[in-house]
Each structure stands twice: as structure tokens, then as C-alpha cells.
């Protein structure tokens, strides 16, 4: 299965293991809760999906790469204690708590949540001395004499032997105690993820053109070469930051992430072409309706048309993502302003700016606590910081405001201005999307280029969120034509098959 399917599978497993019956007992008894083994090539996102599952289920995640551990850190250190057996004092060996088990308890204390996932990566690459300990752990969920706390689900991950010479094959006895899920690299699932986290447009467009270069590992040569999903994602973030800082971008940067000389060189050349197309085809003017798509593109190579679609999609996705950010910010800000209004009424004698400072301080403490517990996503942290900066901006103004009514009227008026600006951004984005459809129709008619553009919109998380919540007449009109075309094509295939059979 692909990484997206694996994520849903793990999510369902965790839900089932944490489910309780009417007596508060686990629906699946603990001894039957087999640890999960995710088996798949390196760099496809096994760790990332664990973070997403924990985030979506609002539970803890404690993650370890087990190859970084020695036997002592895994099971604890020995110590001599004295105990009486049959009336005689005896010196016996006990072990301190495993570092891994201790980390689980510490995470429970930080978050206040008793349920979670213990994720151990590279489980089948442990050292000779640690191997027996890991087998015991997989069978009995203990490290040494210390058991994984109740409420924590064990998920492990490993690489097939063709990718790692250190792999130790599990025997049938061990495998019979695991739930094995095999994962394959899948470009479609990666592109869906890429749209959601807004990967660089050049990366997305290149992989659409060169699908065979998404994932490549050659471990059987003298000089190992590889390109992974992790490499493309990390390169994407580097490219966006380098562009923002106006730092030079060349093949050497690509090669640091795409460790295959041929692919790194090919993408470097494509990146230069992509940036050239960005200027040549006046993407901002196409969005604003000031320019059409150059008619020369009608007879351009298909790769160039794909690059154009990528540029248009990337520009619109920036606006779709801004819609999401502004909506999240306004919703969170409204929540804080309601609290501010309630406190103004409840504590009419207090200075308004001091009440606002308390709200800002409480939110900062909550954010720090969630971050320390690894339960704050980067996206939610950014939302919180944006709102905090707005509230801090109010403080200077409120210092000159005397009455609670004046204070609330000021923040209310500012929120209304922000909401009107957000609505204007929605109208602008709607116009830009409509203008792209008009430009595509003008140059290509109802051709495959428009179909490709629609497919990109339908694959994007933020594009679908915007369209579903705000609508766009041009999208609905073109999508209806696409569905009708698909239905007609299907009908023609059915008729052809029928005539061939009879």
C-alpha cells in the first residue's frame, strides 16, 4: 500500500487498540494488541505519518531510532540491591528504568494525556547485543523489567534488506507476534501531501513530468545513489528559503538533497527553465486578467505545457493557503476577543490593557507547554503567534483608552477591518481563478491542458478547501464538463466492448 493508505491503517489500529468496552476494559485485550511493523524503503515518510496520526487523534508520540541505542540505554543499568530470601540476606541485580520507558512516562507528565504511540524506527537493524532485548520487547512489550505503560500503542518501522546491509531478518516466531504493513513509494500520495504542505512549484511540476525520478535507490553499486521523498521535501524547503534570501541556487544545492548525479543535474536544468517560464509567461498578469497565455504554447512541447500548469497552480495555491491562514487567524482572534470582552465585563475595575496582557501571557504559556509536550504542530504554532502579534499591537492603543467600552469598541472595529480585508482577498482569489480558466479557454479551448489544470485543483487540499467553502462558478462549470466528458468516454468504451463481444 502507499504511505497515505498506511497512515489510515495505522490510525484505525490505534483507535481499535485504545477502544474500551462498557466496563472500561480494552476491546482488544493487551496481550492480543500486536505491535505494528511498517516495512518499506527509506525516506518515504514513515515517521511523518506517525506524527500526523498522533496529531489527528490528539495523543502522545514518543519516537526513537533504535539503532542509536545500546543495550544499557534500552534496558537500563544494573545495580546491586539486598533482599531477603528464605530468611537470608541476598545481593541481587536490578535494573534502572529503561531510557525509552522513562521517556514515555515523562511525555505523559508533560502532556497530561495517558494515551499515545511509542514509535521505534529501524527496528530490524539493531546491534547483535541488542537483538535479544528487541525480540523480548516485541513479544512482551517490556525493556528489561519495565513494561510500556498501558494506553501506549507500539509501532515500529524497518527497511527491507535490499536497502540496508545491517538488516536482521525476523524469524517466524517474531513475525507471528506483529502486524506487518508493507509500504511502497507512491508519487500520487506524495503529490497530495505536497499540495497540503505547499512544496515548491518546481519540485511538483518536475515530478509530474519525470514521474520515474520521484524515488530511486541503488544500493548495489560502489557509490550508492538515491533520491527519496524525504529528499524532495527537504530540497523544496531549502529552495523556498534560498529564493526568499536571494541566495544563489545551482546544481550543488540539488546534489546535497538528490544524491543521484544524473537526477540532480536534470532537476537543476529544469529549475532554471521553470524560473525562465515564470518570467516569460507573465503569470501574475494572467492571474489578474491583464494578459492571455501566449499562443505559441499551443504547439509547445508537452513538458512546457505541464510547466505552465505547474506555475499557474503554484501561484494560486499560494493564495489558497493564505485563505486558510487568514481564516484560522480570524477564528482564533475572534475567540480571544470574546474572552477579552467577557473579562472586561467581569472585572470592570481593571485597566483594559492589563486584561489583554494576561490573555496574551496565558496563551504564550499554553503554547510553550504544548510545544514542550511535542503536541503543537508548526502550522498551529504559526497561527497562535500571528494572533499574539495582533494582540500585542493592541496594547499600545489601549494604554490611552480609559473605559472598558472604548477598549472593546476599538478591538471590535479593528477585527471588522481585518474581516473585510479577508473577504476582499477571497474575492481577489476568486477572480484570479476565473481569469486562469478564461486564459486556458482562450489558448487551448476545452483541451487536455484545461483537464490537467482541473486535475491539479482536484488533487490539492487547499484548493479544494477554498472552492468548497467559497465557491467558484468557472470551476464548477469546467468540472461539470470534465465529468460529462469522462462519462461520455466511459460510455464509448462500453459500447465498443459490447460490439466486440457480439
Protein backbone atom coordinates (compact mmCIF):
# COMPACT_ATOMS: atom_id res chain seq x y z
CA UNK A 1 0.00 0.00 0.00
CA UNK A 2 1.09 3.64 -0.32
CA UNK A 3 2.01 5.93 2.56
CA UNK A 4 -1.44 7.59 2.65
CA UNK A 5 -3.19 4.22 2.94
CA UNK A 6 -0.68 3.12 5.58
CA UNK A 7 -1.44 6.20 7.64
CA UNK A 8 -5.18 5.42 7.67
CA UNK A 9 -4.42 1.78 8.52
CA UNK A 10 -2.23 2.77 11.49
CA UNK A 11 -4.81 5.31 12.62
CA UNK A 12 -7.52 2.63 12.64
CA UNK A 13 -5.25 0.21 14.52
CA UNK A 14 -4.53 2.80 17.22
CA UNK A 15 -8.24 3.60 17.55
CA UNK A 16 -9.06 -0.10 17.92
CA UNK A 17 -6.32 -0.72 20.50
CA UNK A 18 -7.40 2.27 22.59
CA UNK A 19 -11.13 1.45 22.40
CA UNK A 20 -12.81 0.41 25.68
CA UNK A 21 -15.89 -1.69 26.33
CA UNK A 22 -18.80 -0.74 28.60
CA UNK A 23 -16.73 -1.80 31.65
CA UNK A 24 -13.77 0.35 30.71
CA UNK A 25 -11.71 -2.66 29.61
CA UNK A 26 -9.81 -2.67 26.30
CA UNK A 27 -11.94 -4.13 23.50
CA UNK A 28 -8.79 -5.91 22.33
CA UNK A 29 -7.02 -7.38 25.35
CA UNK A 30 -3.47 -6.08 25.82
CA UNK A 31 -1.88 -9.48 25.16
CA UNK A 32 -3.57 -9.51 21.74
CA UNK A 33 -2.52 -5.98 20.78
CA UNK A 34 0.23 -6.90 18.37
CA UNK A 35 2.88 -4.24 17.72
CA UNK A 36 2.72 -2.78 14.21
CA UNK A 37 5.66 -3.20 11.82
CA UNK A 38 5.83 -0.71 8.94
CA UNK A 39 8.16 -2.18 6.34
CA UNK A 40 9.22 -0.02 3.42
CA UNK A 41 12.09 1.76 1.67
CA UNK A 42 13.87 4.65 3.41
CA UNK A 43 12.69 8.24 3.15
CA UNK A 44 9.07 7.65 2.14
CA UNK A 45 7.54 9.25 5.24
CA UNK A 46 7.05 6.51 7.84
CA UNK A 47 7.99 8.85 10.69
CA UNK A 48 5.91 11.69 9.24
CA UNK A 49 2.70 9.64 9.21
CA UNK A 50 3.19 8.76 12.87
CA UNK A 51 3.32 12.48 13.69
CA UNK A 52 0.14 13.03 11.68
CA UNK A 53 -1.71 10.14 13.35
CA UNK A 54 -0.76 11.37 16.85
CA UNK A 55 -1.77 14.92 15.95
CA UNK A 56 -5.15 13.90 14.50
CA UNK A 57 -6.00 11.59 17.42
CA UNK A 58 -4.71 14.14 19.98
CA UNK A 59 -2.45 11.60 21.68
CA UNK A 60 1.24 11.44 22.58
CA UNK A 61 4.05 10.36 20.30
CA UNK A 62 7.40 9.16 21.65
CA UNK A 63 9.79 8.43 18.82
CA UNK A 64 13.18 6.70 18.88
CA UNK A 65 15.60 5.41 16.27
CA UNK A 66 16.56 2.19 17.97
CA UNK A 67 19.96 1.89 16.23
CA UNK A 68 21.08 4.88 18.30
CA UNK A 69 20.71 2.83 21.48
CA UNK A 70 22.95 0.43 23.33
CA UNK A 71 21.70 -2.49 25.39
CA UNK A 72 22.28 -0.45 28.57
CA UNK A 73 20.19 2.54 27.45
CA UNK A 74 17.40 0.24 26.23
CA UNK A 75 17.04 -1.98 29.33
CA UNK A 76 18.64 0.25 31.98
CA UNK A 77 21.81 0.00 34.08
CA UNK A 78 22.38 -2.76 36.65
CA UNK A 79 22.56 -2.01 40.35
CA UNK A 80 23.06 -4.24 43.43
CA UNK A 81 20.24 -4.36 45.97
CA UNK A 82 19.76 -6.54 49.03
CA UNK A 83 16.70 -8.72 49.51
CA UNK A 84 15.75 -11.46 51.96
CA UNK A 85 15.05 -14.92 50.55
CA UNK A 86 14.18 -17.75 52.94
CA UNK A 87 15.26 -15.58 55.84
CA UNK A 88 18.69 -14.87 54.37
CA UNK A 89 20.01 -11.56 53.09
CA UNK A 90 20.98 -11.85 49.40
CA UNK A 91 22.65 -9.42 47.00
CA UNK A 92 20.68 -9.33 43.72
CA UNK A 93 20.88 -7.37 40.49
CA UNK A 94 18.14 -4.96 39.49
CA UNK A 95 17.99 -2.57 36.57
CA UNK A 96 17.27 1.13 36.47
CA UNK A 97 14.37 2.15 34.26
CA UNK A 98 14.96 1.98 30.51
CA UNK A 99 15.63 5.35 28.92
CA UNK A 100 12.87 4.63 26.40
CA UNK A 101 10.26 3.69 29.01
CA UNK A 102 11.25 6.69 31.13
CA UNK A 103 10.72 8.94 28.09
CA UNK A 104 7.17 7.62 27.75
CA UNK A 105 6.36 8.46 31.40
CA UNK A 106 7.95 11.90 31.03
CA UNK A 107 5.81 12.59 27.95
CA UNK A 108 2.67 11.59 29.88
CA UNK A 109 3.59 14.05 32.64
CA UNK A 110 4.30 16.88 30.16
CA UNK A 111 1.07 16.46 28.21
CA UNK A 112 -1.29 15.19 30.89
CA UNK A 113 -2.51 12.59 28.35
CA UNK A 114 -2.08 8.90 29.18
CA UNK A 115 -2.55 7.51 25.67
CA UNK A 116 -0.07 7.58 22.85
CA UNK A 117 2.21 5.84 20.38
CA UNK A 118 5.71 4.54 21.06
CA UNK A 119 7.42 4.56 17.66
CA UNK A 120 10.71 2.72 17.17
CA UNK A 121 12.41 3.19 13.81
CA UNK A 122 14.98 0.90 12.16
CA UNK A 123 13.77 -1.94 14.36
CA UNK A 124 15.38 -4.62 12.18
CA UNK A 125 18.83 -3.01 12.20
CA UNK A 126 19.71 -3.34 15.88
CA UNK A 127 23.15 -4.49 17.01
CA UNK A 128 24.00 -8.09 17.93
CA UNK A 129 23.93 -7.28 21.66
CA UNK A 130 20.57 -5.50 21.48
CA UNK A 131 18.78 -8.06 19.27
CA UNK A 132 17.58 -10.36 22.11
CA UNK A 133 16.26 -7.34 24.02
CA UNK A 134 14.28 -6.19 20.98
CA UNK A 135 12.77 -9.63 20.47
CA UNK A 136 11.69 -9.63 24.12
CA UNK A 137 10.22 -6.16 23.66
CA UNK A 138 8.21 -7.15 20.59
CA UNK A 139 6.85 -10.24 22.32
CA UNK A 140 6.18 -8.89 25.83
CA UNK A 141 6.28 -5.07 25.44
CA UNK A 142 8.98 -4.74 28.09
CA UNK A 143 12.50 -3.37 28.16
CA UNK A 144 14.33 -5.29 30.87
CA UNK A 145 11.89 -5.46 33.77
CA UNK A 146 9.96 -2.33 32.80
CA UNK A 147 6.76 -2.50 30.78
CA UNK A 148 5.40 0.03 28.31
CA UNK A 149 2.61 1.94 30.14
CA UNK A 150 -0.96 0.91 29.47
CA UNK A 151 -2.56 3.11 26.81
CA UNK A 152 0.54 3.27 24.60
CA UNK A 153 0.43 1.51 21.24
CA UNK A 154 3.72 0.18 19.85
CA UNK A 155 4.52 0.94 16.22
CA UNK A 156 7.85 0.02 14.66
CA UNK A 157 9.43 0.57 11.25
CA UNK A 158 12.14 -1.09 9.24
CA UNK A 159 13.77 -1.18 5.81
CA UNK A 160 13.85 -4.24 3.54
CA UNK A 161 17.30 -5.88 3.28
CA UNK A 162 17.92 -4.58 -0.26
CA UNK A 163 18.16 -1.05 1.17
CA UNK A 164 20.24 -1.71 4.27
CA UNK A 165 23.07 -4.21 4.75
CA UNK A 166 22.59 -4.07 8.54
CA UNK A 167 19.11 -5.60 8.40
CA UNK A 168 18.45 -8.62 10.61
CA UNK A 169 15.69 -10.88 9.34
CA UNK A 170 12.96 -11.65 11.89
CA UNK A 171 12.09 -15.30 12.36
CA UNK A 172 8.54 -16.64 12.01
CA UNK A 173 8.05 -16.72 15.80
CA UNK A 174 8.67 -12.97 15.98
CA UNK A 175 6.72 -12.09 12.83
CA UNK A 176 3.76 -14.06 14.19
CA UNK A 177 3.53 -11.52 17.01
CA UNK A 178 3.50 -8.46 14.72
CA UNK A 179 1.06 -6.73 12.39
CA UNK A 180 3.17 -6.16 9.28
CA UNK A 181 2.26 -3.40 6.81
CA UNK A 182 4.31 -3.18 3.61
CA UNK A 183 4.60 0.32 2.12
CA UNK A 184 5.68 1.32 -1.37
CA UNK A 185 6.84 4.70 -2.67
CA UNK A 186 3.85 6.32 -4.40
CA UNK A 187 4.04 9.62 -6.29
CA UNK A 188 0.29 10.30 -6.24
CA UNK A 189 0.16 10.12 -2.45
CA UNK A 190 3.28 12.30 -2.22
CA UNK A 191 1.79 14.95 -4.54
CA UNK A 192 -1.38 15.12 -2.41
CA UNK A 193 0.81 15.64 0.64
CA UNK A 194 2.95 18.14 -1.28
CA UNK A 195 -0.04 20.32 -2.10
CA UNK A 196 -1.09 20.37 1.54
CA UNK A 197 2.33 21.43 2.89
CA UNK A 198 2.93 23.66 -0.17
CA UNK A 199 6.08 22.18 -1.61
CA UNK A 200 7.97 24.23 -4.18
CA UNK A 201 6.19 24.50 -7.54
CA UNK A 202 9.31 23.46 -9.46
CA UNK A 203 9.50 20.20 -7.49
CA UNK A 204 5.81 19.43 -8.04
CA UNK A 205 5.95 20.26 -11.76
CA UNK A 206 9.19 18.32 -12.34
CA UNK A 207 7.80 15.19 -10.70
CA UNK A 208 4.68 15.48 -12.83
CA UNK A 209 6.89 15.44 -15.92
CA UNK A 210 9.51 12.96 -14.72
CA UNK A 211 7.50 10.54 -12.61
CA UNK A 212 10.25 7.93 -12.84
CA UNK A 213 12.61 10.20 -10.88
CA UNK A 214 10.48 10.51 -7.75
CA UNK A 215 12.10 7.60 -5.95
CA UNK A 216 15.35 5.90 -6.91
CA UNK A 217 17.69 3.85 -4.71
CA UNK A 218 20.74 1.96 -6.00
CA UNK A 219 22.46 0.29 -3.05
CA UNK A 220 24.29 -2.39 -5.01
CA UNK A 221 26.93 -0.13 -6.58
CA UNK A 222 30.33 1.04 -5.32
CA UNK A 223 28.97 4.54 -4.85
CA UNK A 224 25.44 4.37 -3.51
CA UNK A 225 22.97 6.73 -5.20
CA UNK A 226 19.49 7.54 -4.02
CA UNK A 227 16.62 10.00 -4.29
CA UNK A 228 13.76 9.75 -1.79
CA UNK A 229 10.52 11.52 -0.93
CA UNK A 230 12.29 12.96 2.11
CA UNK A 231 14.97 14.39 -0.18
CA UNK A 232 12.45 16.13 -2.43
CA UNK A 233 10.59 17.61 0.55
CA UNK A 234 13.72 18.91 2.26
CA UNK A 235 15.03 20.33 -1.02
CA UNK A 236 11.71 22.10 -1.52
CA UNK A 237 12.01 23.93 1.80
CA UNK A 238 15.62 24.83 1.03
CA UNK A 239 14.69 26.25 -2.39
CA UNK A 240 11.95 28.45 -0.97
CA UNK A 241 14.26 29.82 1.73
CA UNK A 242 17.14 30.41 -0.69
CA UNK A 243 14.78 32.30 -3.01
CA UNK A 244 13.48 34.42 -0.14
CA UNK A 245 17.04 35.31 0.91
CA UNK A 246 18.13 35.73 -2.74
CA UNK A 247 20.92 33.19 -2.28
CA UNK A 248 22.49 31.51 -5.34
CA UNK A 249 20.84 28.25 -6.38
CA UNK A 250 22.71 25.74 -8.51
CA UNK A 251 23.35 22.08 -9.13
CA UNK A 252 25.49 21.76 -5.99
CA UNK A 253 22.45 22.55 -3.84
CA UNK A 254 20.33 19.98 -5.66
CA UNK A 255 23.04 17.33 -5.25
CA UNK A 256 23.05 17.80 -1.47
CA UNK A 257 19.47 16.51 -1.33
CA UNK A 258 19.16 14.43 -4.52
CA UNK A 259 22.08 12.08 -4.15
CA UNK A 260 21.95 10.79 -7.68
CA UNK A 261 24.20 12.74 -10.03
CA UNK A 262 22.01 12.36 -13.10
CA UNK A 263 18.74 13.31 -11.36
CA UNK A 264 20.33 16.25 -9.51
CA UNK A 265 21.76 17.61 -12.77
CA UNK A 266 18.48 17.13 -14.64
CA UNK A 267 16.44 18.87 -11.95
CA UNK A 268 18.94 21.76 -11.78
CA UNK A 269 18.45 22.37 -15.52
CA UNK A 270 14.68 22.11 -15.13
CA UNK A 271 14.68 24.55 -12.22
CA UNK A 272 16.41 27.19 -14.37
CA UNK A 273 13.85 26.59 -17.12
CA UNK A 274 10.99 26.81 -14.61
CA UNK A 275 12.18 30.21 -13.39
CA UNK A 276 12.55 31.34 -17.01
CA UNK A 277 8.96 30.29 -17.79
CA UNK A 278 7.79 32.19 -14.70
CA UNK A 279 9.01 35.46 -16.24
CA UNK A 280 8.32 34.57 -19.89
CA UNK A 281 4.64 33.75 -19.48
CA UNK A 282 3.80 36.66 -17.14
CA UNK A 283 1.97 34.51 -14.60
CA UNK A 284 0.91 37.44 -12.34
CA UNK A 285 -0.66 39.22 -15.34
CA UNK A 286 -2.52 36.06 -16.40
CA UNK A 287 -3.99 35.83 -12.88
CA UNK A 288 -5.02 39.47 -12.84
CA UNK A 289 -6.60 39.19 -16.31
CA UNK A 290 -4.15 41.63 -17.90
CA UNK A 291 -2.63 39.02 -20.24
CA UNK A 292 -3.54 35.84 -22.09
CA UNK A 293 -1.41 32.73 -22.29
CA UNK A 294 0.98 33.07 -25.24
CA UNK A 295 -0.50 31.41 -28.35
CA UNK A 296 2.90 29.84 -29.08
CA UNK A 297 2.16 27.41 -26.28
CA UNK A 298 -0.47 25.74 -28.46
CA UNK A 299 2.34 23.99 -30.34
CA UNK A 300 4.86 23.88 -27.47
CA UNK A 301 6.24 20.55 -26.20
CA UNK A 302 4.01 18.85 -23.65
CA UNK A 303 6.65 19.29 -20.91
CA UNK A 304 6.47 23.04 -21.38
CA UNK A 305 2.69 22.99 -21.09
CA UNK A 306 2.97 20.97 -17.88
CA UNK A 307 5.39 23.56 -16.51
CA UNK A 308 2.91 26.33 -17.31
CA UNK A 309 0.13 24.44 -15.49
CA UNK A 310 2.51 24.00 -12.57
CA UNK A 311 3.30 27.71 -12.43
CA UNK A 312 -0.38 28.68 -12.54
CA UNK A 313 -1.26 26.10 -9.89
CA UNK A 314 1.61 27.12 -7.63
CA UNK A 315 0.63 30.81 -7.76
CA UNK A 316 -3.00 30.03 -6.99
CA UNK A 317 -2.03 27.60 -4.23
CA UNK A 318 -0.17 30.45 -2.52
CA UNK A 319 -3.45 32.37 -2.42
CA UNK A 320 -5.45 29.30 -1.34
CA UNK A 321 -3.01 28.77 1.51
CA UNK A 322 -3.30 32.45 2.50
CA UNK A 323 -7.07 31.96 2.65
CA UNK A 324 -6.56 29.10 5.09
CA UNK A 325 -4.11 31.10 7.22
CA UNK A 326 -6.30 34.22 7.35
CA UNK A 327 -9.39 32.19 8.22
CA UNK A 328 -7.57 30.33 11.02
CA UNK A 329 -6.15 33.61 12.32
CA UNK A 330 -9.51 35.39 12.35
CA UNK A 331 -11.27 32.47 14.04
CA UNK A 332 -8.62 32.32 16.76
CA UNK A 333 -8.56 36.11 17.13
CA UNK A 334 -12.35 36.20 17.49
CA UNK A 335 -12.11 33.62 20.27
CA UNK A 336 -9.56 35.77 22.14
CA UNK A 337 -11.60 38.97 21.66
CA UNK A 338 -14.69 37.24 23.08
CA UNK A 339 -12.63 36.31 26.14
CA UNK A 340 -11.40 39.91 26.34
CA UNK A 341 -14.98 41.21 26.22
CA UNK A 342 -16.13 38.77 28.91
CA UNK A 343 -13.22 39.75 31.20
CA UNK A 344 -13.95 43.46 30.65
CA UNK A 345 -17.48 42.88 31.95
CA UNK A 346 -16.44 40.60 34.80
CA UNK A 347 -13.61 42.88 36.00
CA UNK A 348 -14.89 46.33 35.18
CA UNK A 349 -12.47 47.93 37.65
CA UNK A 350 -9.34 46.63 35.95
CA UNK A 351 -7.37 48.52 33.33
CA UNK A 352 -8.25 47.00 29.89
CA UNK A 353 -4.66 46.75 28.72
CA UNK A 354 -3.75 44.66 31.77
CA UNK A 355 -6.56 42.22 30.98
CA UNK A 356 -5.28 41.94 27.41
CA UNK A 357 -1.73 41.32 28.62
CA UNK A 358 -2.98 38.47 30.83
CA UNK A 359 -4.72 36.84 27.86
CA UNK A 360 -1.53 37.11 25.78
CA UNK A 361 0.57 35.71 28.63
CA UNK A 362 -1.79 32.76 29.22
CA UNK A 363 -1.75 31.88 25.54
CA UNK A 364 2.05 32.06 25.41
CA UNK A 365 2.30 29.72 28.41
CA UNK A 366 -0.18 27.28 26.85
CA UNK A 367 1.74 27.32 23.57
CA UNK A 368 5.04 26.70 25.33
CA UNK A 369 3.50 23.81 27.28
CA UNK A 370 2.09 22.18 24.14
CA UNK A 371 5.39 22.63 22.34
CA UNK A 372 7.33 21.07 25.20
CA UNK A 373 4.94 18.12 25.06
CA UNK A 374 5.50 17.84 21.26
CA UNK A 375 1.76 18.35 20.74
CA UNK A 376 1.88 21.62 18.81
CA UNK A 377 2.14 21.50 15.03
CA UNK A 378 4.21 24.07 13.18
CA UNK A 379 1.04 25.30 11.47
CA UNK A 380 -0.87 25.78 14.74
CA UNK A 381 2.13 27.46 16.32
CA UNK A 382 2.25 29.93 13.42
CA UNK A 383 -1.49 30.65 13.84
CA UNK A 384 -1.02 31.30 17.55
CA UNK A 385 1.97 33.59 17.00
CA UNK A 386 0.11 35.62 14.36
CA UNK A 387 -2.74 36.25 16.80
CA UNK A 388 -0.32 37.06 19.61
CA UNK A 389 1.34 39.73 17.46
CA UNK A 390 -2.05 41.29 16.68
CA UNK A 391 -3.00 41.37 20.37
CA UNK A 392 0.35 42.89 21.30
CA UNK A 393 -0.28 45.54 18.66
CA UNK A 394 -3.47 46.46 20.51
CA UNK A 395 -1.59 47.09 23.76
CA UNK A 396 -0.09 50.42 22.69
CA UNK A 397 -3.50 51.73 21.61
CA UNK A 398 -5.30 50.53 24.72
CA UNK A 399 -2.87 52.36 27.01
CA UNK A 400 -4.65 55.59 26.06
CA UNK A 401 -8.15 54.13 26.37
CA UNK A 402 -9.94 54.68 29.65
CA UNK A 403 -13.23 52.81 29.71
CA UNK A 404 -13.90 49.11 29.01
CA UNK A 405 -16.50 50.09 26.40
CA UNK A 406 -13.98 52.18 24.46
CA UNK A 407 -11.44 49.37 24.65
CA UNK A 408 -13.86 46.78 23.30
CA UNK A 409 -15.14 49.10 20.56
CA UNK A 410 -11.54 49.65 19.42
CA UNK A 411 -10.68 45.94 19.09
CA UNK A 412 -14.10 45.22 17.55
CA UNK A 413 -13.57 47.88 14.87
CA UNK A 414 -10.12 46.51 14.08
CA UNK A 415 -11.46 42.96 13.78
CA UNK A 416 -14.17 44.17 11.39
CA UNK A 417 -11.49 45.83 9.23
CA UNK A 418 -9.50 42.61 9.19
CA UNK A 419 -12.56 40.59 8.26
CA UNK A 420 -13.40 42.97 5.39
CA UNK A 421 -9.81 42.69 4.13
CA UNK A 422 -10.11 38.87 4.30
CA UNK A 423 -13.33 38.96 2.31
CA UNK A 424 -11.62 41.15 -0.29
CA UNK A 425 -8.79 38.62 -0.54
CA UNK A 426 -11.41 35.90 -1.16
CA UNK A 427 -12.93 37.97 -3.99
CA UNK A 428 -9.48 38.57 -5.48
CA UNK A 429 -8.57 34.88 -5.35
CA UNK A 430 -11.92 34.00 -6.92
CA UNK A 431 -11.20 36.47 -9.76
CA UNK A 432 -7.70 35.07 -10.26
CA UNK A 433 -9.02 31.51 -10.52
CA UNK A 434 -11.69 32.63 -13.00
CA UNK A 435 -9.08 34.50 -15.07
CA UNK A 436 -6.90 31.40 -15.32
CA UNK A 437 -9.83 29.40 -16.67
CA UNK A 438 -10.54 32.19 -19.19
CA UNK A 439 -6.89 32.24 -20.27
CA UNK A 440 -6.78 28.46 -20.69
CA UNK A 441 -10.02 28.52 -22.69
CA UNK A 442 -8.69 31.34 -24.90
CA UNK A 443 -5.49 29.50 -25.78
CA UNK A 444 -6.38 25.81 -25.54
CA UNK A 445 -10.18 25.64 -25.56
CA UNK A 446 -11.52 22.56 -23.78
CA UNK A 447 -8.28 20.70 -24.41
CA UNK A 448 -6.13 18.46 -22.24
CA UNK A 449 -4.39 21.49 -20.73
CA UNK A 450 -7.62 22.56 -19.01
CA UNK A 451 -8.22 18.97 -17.90
CA UNK A 452 -4.72 18.87 -16.37
CA UNK A 453 -5.33 22.15 -14.56
CA UNK A 454 -8.63 20.83 -13.16
CA UNK A 455 -6.91 17.64 -12.06
CA UNK A 456 -4.31 19.68 -10.16
CA UNK A 457 -7.05 21.68 -8.42
CA UNK A 458 -8.92 18.49 -7.52
CA UNK A 459 -5.76 16.95 -6.04
CA UNK A 460 -4.93 19.96 -3.85
CA UNK A 461 -6.00 20.18 -0.20
CA UNK A 462 -6.03 23.99 -0.01
CA UNK A 463 -7.58 24.48 -3.47
CA UNK A 464 -10.48 22.18 -2.61
CA UNK A 465 -10.90 23.84 0.78
CA UNK A 466 -11.19 27.26 -0.87
CA UNK A 467 -13.57 26.08 -3.61
CA UNK A 468 -15.77 24.08 -1.22
CA UNK A 469 -16.07 26.96 1.24
CA UNK A 470 -16.09 29.96 -1.11
CA UNK A 471 -17.18 28.51 -4.46
CA UNK A 472 -16.12 29.49 -7.98
CA UNK A 473 -18.52 29.44 -10.92
CA UNK A 474 -15.80 28.82 -13.52
CA UNK A 475 -14.51 25.81 -11.60
CA UNK A 476 -17.97 24.25 -11.25
CA UNK A 477 -18.73 24.87 -14.93
CA UNK A 478 -15.46 23.33 -16.14
CA UNK A 479 -15.58 20.47 -13.67
CA UNK A 480 -19.09 19.60 -14.87
CA UNK A 481 -17.76 19.45 -18.44
CA UNK A 482 -14.90 17.23 -17.29
CA UNK A 483 -17.27 14.84 -15.54
CA UNK A 484 -19.51 14.79 -18.63
CA UNK A 485 -16.50 14.08 -20.84
CA UNK A 486 -15.41 11.25 -18.54
CA UNK A 487 -18.92 9.80 -18.66
CA UNK A 488 -19.06 10.01 -22.48
CA UNK A 489 -15.63 8.36 -22.77
CA UNK A 490 -16.75 5.60 -20.43
CA UNK A 491 -19.95 5.11 -22.45
CA UNK A 492 -17.99 4.89 -25.71
CA UNK A 493 -15.71 2.25 -24.16
CA UNK A 494 -18.73 0.26 -23.01
CA UNK A 495 -20.30 0.42 -26.49
CA UNK A 496 -17.01 -0.61 -28.11
CA UNK A 497 -16.63 -3.54 -25.73
CA UNK A 498 -20.24 -4.59 -26.38
CA UNK A 499 -19.80 -4.55 -30.19
CA UNK A 500 -16.55 -6.53 -29.90
CA UNK A 501 -18.23 -9.21 -27.78
CA UNK A 502 -21.21 -9.58 -30.10
